[in-house]
Protein backbone atom coordinates (compact mmCIF):
# COMPACT_ATOMS: atom_id res chain seq x y z
CA MET A 1 -59.21 -21.93 -19.41
CA THR A 2 -56.56 -23.84 -21.30
CA GLY A 3 -54.75 -25.16 -18.38
CA GLY A 4 -51.63 -22.82 -18.59
CA ARG A 5 -51.16 -23.53 -22.26
CA LEU A 6 -50.97 -20.81 -25.18
CA THR A 7 -53.67 -20.95 -27.48
CA THR A 8 -53.67 -19.10 -30.86
CA ILE A 9 -56.78 -18.03 -32.18
CA GLU A 10 -57.20 -15.81 -35.57
CA VAL A 11 -59.50 -12.84 -35.15
CA GLY A 12 -60.47 -10.31 -37.77
CA LEU A 13 -59.42 -6.84 -37.01
CA SER A 14 -61.28 -3.48 -37.40
CA GLN A 15 -58.88 -0.64 -38.43
CA GLU A 16 -59.68 1.45 -35.57
CA LEU A 17 -58.29 -1.23 -33.24
CA ALA A 18 -54.37 -0.83 -32.49
CA VAL A 19 -53.32 -4.33 -31.56
CA GLN A 20 -49.76 -5.19 -31.59
CA PRO A 21 -48.02 -8.73 -31.16
CA GLY A 22 -47.75 -9.16 -27.21
CA ASP A 23 -50.76 -7.07 -26.38
CA ARG A 24 -53.44 -8.96 -24.23
CA VAL A 25 -57.07 -8.79 -25.61
CA LEU A 26 -60.16 -10.01 -24.24
CA LEU A 27 -62.32 -12.02 -26.83
CA SER A 28 -66.11 -12.66 -26.45
CA LEU A 29 -68.75 -14.27 -28.25
CA ASP A 30 -72.41 -13.32 -28.50
CA PRO A 31 -74.26 -15.38 -26.12
CA ALA A 32 -77.20 -15.89 -28.36
CA ASP A 33 -75.10 -17.23 -31.11
CA LEU A 34 -73.16 -19.54 -28.77
CA LEU A 35 -76.56 -20.77 -27.62
CA ARG A 36 -77.91 -21.55 -30.99
CA ALA A 37 -74.91 -23.43 -31.92
CA SER A 38 -74.96 -25.34 -28.52
CA LEU A 39 -78.62 -26.40 -29.23
CA LEU A 40 -77.54 -27.93 -32.46
CA ALA A 41 -74.37 -29.51 -31.19
CA TYR A 42 -76.00 -31.08 -28.09
CA GLY A 43 -79.91 -30.41 -28.11
CA LEU A 44 -80.56 -32.11 -31.61
CA PRO A 45 -78.62 -35.34 -30.64
CA LEU A 46 -80.62 -35.36 -27.17
CA PHE A 47 -83.90 -34.90 -29.13
CA SER A 48 -83.36 -37.48 -31.71
CA THR A 49 -82.21 -40.04 -28.96
CA ALA A 50 -85.72 -39.39 -27.26
CA ALA A 51 -87.55 -39.38 -30.42
CA ALA A 52 -86.15 -42.57 -31.75
CA LEU A 53 -87.09 -44.15 -28.36
CA GLY A 54 -90.36 -42.79 -28.56
CA LEU A 55 -91.09 -44.04 -31.95
CA LEU A 56 -89.92 -47.51 -30.83
CA ARG A 57 -92.14 -47.67 -28.00
CA LEU A 58 -95.07 -46.25 -30.11
CA PHE A 59 -94.78 -48.30 -33.14
CA SER A 60 -93.33 -51.31 -31.83
CA GLY A 61 -94.46 -53.99 -29.13
CA ILE A 62 -90.72 -54.91 -28.74
CA GLU A 63 -89.57 -54.52 -24.96
CA SER A 64 -85.89 -55.73 -25.32
CA ASP A 65 -83.48 -53.42 -23.49
CA LEU A 66 -80.87 -54.33 -26.20
CA ILE A 67 -83.08 -52.99 -29.10
CA ALA A 68 -83.95 -49.99 -27.21
CA LEU A 69 -79.98 -49.49 -26.45
CA GLY A 70 -79.42 -49.85 -30.27
CA THR A 71 -82.09 -47.58 -31.03
CA ALA A 72 -81.22 -44.99 -28.61
CA PHE A 73 -77.57 -45.23 -29.98
CA THR A 74 -78.74 -44.86 -33.67
CA GLY A 75 -80.98 -41.79 -32.68
CA LEU A 76 -77.70 -40.22 -31.07
CA VAL A 77 -75.59 -41.01 -33.88
CA ALA A 78 -78.20 -39.66 -36.26
CA GLY A 79 -78.40 -36.32 -34.23
CA LEU A 80 -74.80 -35.80 -33.92
CA PHE A 81 -74.33 -36.12 -37.78
CA ALA A 82 -77.11 -34.14 -38.47
CA GLY A 83 -76.00 -31.30 -35.93
CA ARG A 84 -72.53 -31.52 -37.17
CA LEU A 85 -73.75 -31.00 -40.91
CA LEU A 86 -75.94 -28.13 -40.16
CA LEU A 87 -73.24 -26.62 -38.24
CA ARG A 88 -70.72 -27.07 -41.04
CA ARG A 89 -73.34 -25.66 -43.55
CA SER A 90 -74.36 -22.63 -41.77
CA ARG A 91 -72.43 -19.71 -43.01
CA ARG A 92 -74.09 -17.43 -40.36
CA CYS A 93 -72.76 -19.65 -37.63
CA ALA A 94 -69.30 -19.78 -38.89
CA ARG A 95 -69.62 -16.01 -39.55
CA THR A 96 -71.27 -15.19 -35.89
CA LEU A 97 -69.06 -17.65 -33.62
CA ALA A 98 -65.89 -15.83 -34.62
CA PRO A 99 -64.82 -14.09 -31.37
CA THR A 100 -64.44 -10.38 -31.29
CA ILE A 101 -61.98 -8.16 -29.33
CA ARG A 102 -63.75 -6.50 -26.40
CA ARG A 103 -60.68 -4.78 -24.59
CA VAL A 104 -57.13 -4.23 -25.50
CA ALA A 105 -54.19 -3.86 -23.06
CA THR A 106 -50.81 -3.12 -24.50
CA ALA A 107 -47.83 -5.23 -23.54
CA ALA A 108 -46.59 -2.49 -21.21
CA ASP A 109 -49.95 -2.30 -19.58
CA ALA A 110 -50.05 -6.15 -19.03
CA ALA A 111 -46.64 -6.03 -17.55
CA ASP A 112 -47.83 -3.76 -15.00
CA PRO A 113 -49.95 -5.34 -12.31
CA SER A 114 -51.77 -2.42 -10.96
CA THR A 115 -53.87 -2.03 -14.44
C-alpha cells in the first residue's frame, strides 16, 4: 500500500495485452525472485554481522562490548555494501524483479463497483 498516494511504475507490455491509460491492472512479482533478492538485501548483512562477531570471538581474547559493537557494525556495513553491489550487478535480478501484469480491468470496469 502506498497510503493513498499514486505510484507510477513503468512495466513492459506484451502486444497481446490491450492496456489503455486509466485502466486498472494487477501487478505481481515471482515469489522465488523476490525471496532471492530479499536474501541478498537482508540475509547477507545479517550473516556478515554474525560472521564478524564469530571471528572476533574465535580469534581474539578481547571481551570489550565496545569492540564487539564496532565489529558488528563493520560486519553489517560490509554485508549491506556487498548485497547492494550484488543486486546492482545482477542483470538477472533487474530482469526478474520487473513486475508483470496479471489482470487488466478497463476504466469502465473500474468505475463499475459490481466487477
